[in-house]
């Protein structure tokens, strides 16, 4: 048989095999209407609409899909139902091959099929082995997906399997990405565009982006970079499903997750005259951080600062590094969905072994730990207890892995809440949330304004105020020098009194320079701490907003006859659980605020009173010098 005829038959056979092996597209039908946010790369669809699922490994309850119009974007998994794939259909047989004589006919326009150029091309294309397809499971690659569903390759898979234990880079612990202070911007990626290679920094544990695909990293970064926006009071711009769905709240609300929670894992919420509140422990405790010291490993190649923590309930000292605090912060954020976790002190780019920096960081870590041990939920949690008590290295790593695989993280955290038997009035809850949103926004503005004024006042104390009093003191001293030229006995007492007044004003100038350390600095520290706490509230408020919005949407579907009343009642009941948790946390925040601001104002005013009393005493002492002048 001629070679050209064989080639033709091979091509026909190959086309048949290709058509038979093309996988059927996964299709899904919309269960509810979904108004997607185009800015977040979400796809809008309606009930009953058929969608083609493009990717199911986005994670956190999101898929990527395409509608019949060819538009592509992210959709919530719980809003659609997969359709059964159709029976495979076989293509019709290929047409009969052309007669051999046709192939041998000289080509007047296209050239001779048997010429050297064709034979050369054929030998290159068919006599050599085809190139191997890239192996996306074992290498870092652009947009590749490994068998764990993580983008970026084998390094992340290994990190996930090993729980990313204590052996990550020590020298860069203060330079690596931090979930609480990260300001890096991921590459902009849209669902309908080719993905950009994830940087190592985007994918390292501690960046907050570990294991997320590019669209999800973009969605998360958009949420992190926004600030406070509801009712015109919260400046945070995002689709109401973004925070809610990515944390698993959507799955919890729709009843797609469940678990048999043990009694020890239950977190009780009680009714009080101020509304729902956490059940505070009967035996609160404290934890002291002391004795920071520089330690090293790998024969001195890597060094770090270790802090010694001693909880009052055990009095057993444990050694922790900043990266351990960073890990704990990440775990608390992942687990306690409706509890805003205050940020840690910033990481250092240089000077992290200097005594002043170490002392200041230890003081700031102490403030953060004090805040955590006062929280009735966090202080009793297993992961926090592991952080405060574990002294064995092997048990420490095992406890870390257990915490990272905690069953009740994100939306599943609400499964652990034991709420009062009474139901909540949704309109009353919305009113309270609206008031609290305005409160948070107003307080955030107040913090910024007071911090600015406080910093300006501090500069004036150490600069202009000190200089002005010393100018007055200097002028009195010069006057005394001039009067001292008169050696008469009757003028010496006056000269001495004026010279003493000059010294008094110089001392008052020094007092102004030192005074901020006695009162203003403590006030600024509290204001700064609350500014950081308020920055974490938008996610909590938006998560609750998403729950209320979903409950309302389900009620609308019930009124339209598109959702059973029993299902809607279950959704509203679960929305109540989210509301109970959010209201309890709001109650705790207000209790802490009242106690903290009372102490702050008392210390500030006591310091001010003592300051001006000391000034008055100095001026009175100077005045007495003139009685015998």
Foldseek 3Di string as FASTA:
>chain_A
DDPVQVVVVVVLVVVQVVLQPDDFFWKKFFLAFDDDDVVLFADGDGGGFMWTFDADLQDLQWTWIAGPVGRIGIDGNVGIGIDDTDDDDGDDRDDDDDDPVVLCDADPPPGRCPDPVNVVVVCVPPVDDDDDDDDLAAAADFPRAHPVSFHGYDVLVVCLVLLVDDPDDQQCLLPAAACQDHDDDWDDDHPVDRGGRGDPRQQDPRNLNNRGDPSLSNLVVLQLPFFFQDPNQTGGDDDLVSLQRSLPVVCVLLVVDDDDDDPVLAWEWDQDPLGIAGDADPDFWAKAKDDWDKDADPVRPHIFIWIWIAIPVPRDIAIDGVVLVRLLQSLCCFFQQLAQQFGQPHRDPDDCPPPVNVVVNSVRVRVSRRVQSRDRPSVPDPLVVLSRDDHDSVVNSVSSSCSVVPPRTGNSVLNRYDYDPDFDDLVVLVVVLVVVSNVLSVLLVVLVVVLVVLVVLLCCLQPVQLVVLLVVLVVLLVVLVVQVVDVDPVCPLVSVLSNLSSVLSNVLSVLSNPLCVQASVLLSVVSVRVNSSSRRNNSSSSNLVSLSVVLVSQVVCVVVVSHDPVSSVSSSRSSRSSSSSNVNSVVVVVVVVVVSVVVNVVRNVVSVVVSVVVSVVSVVVSVVSPPSD
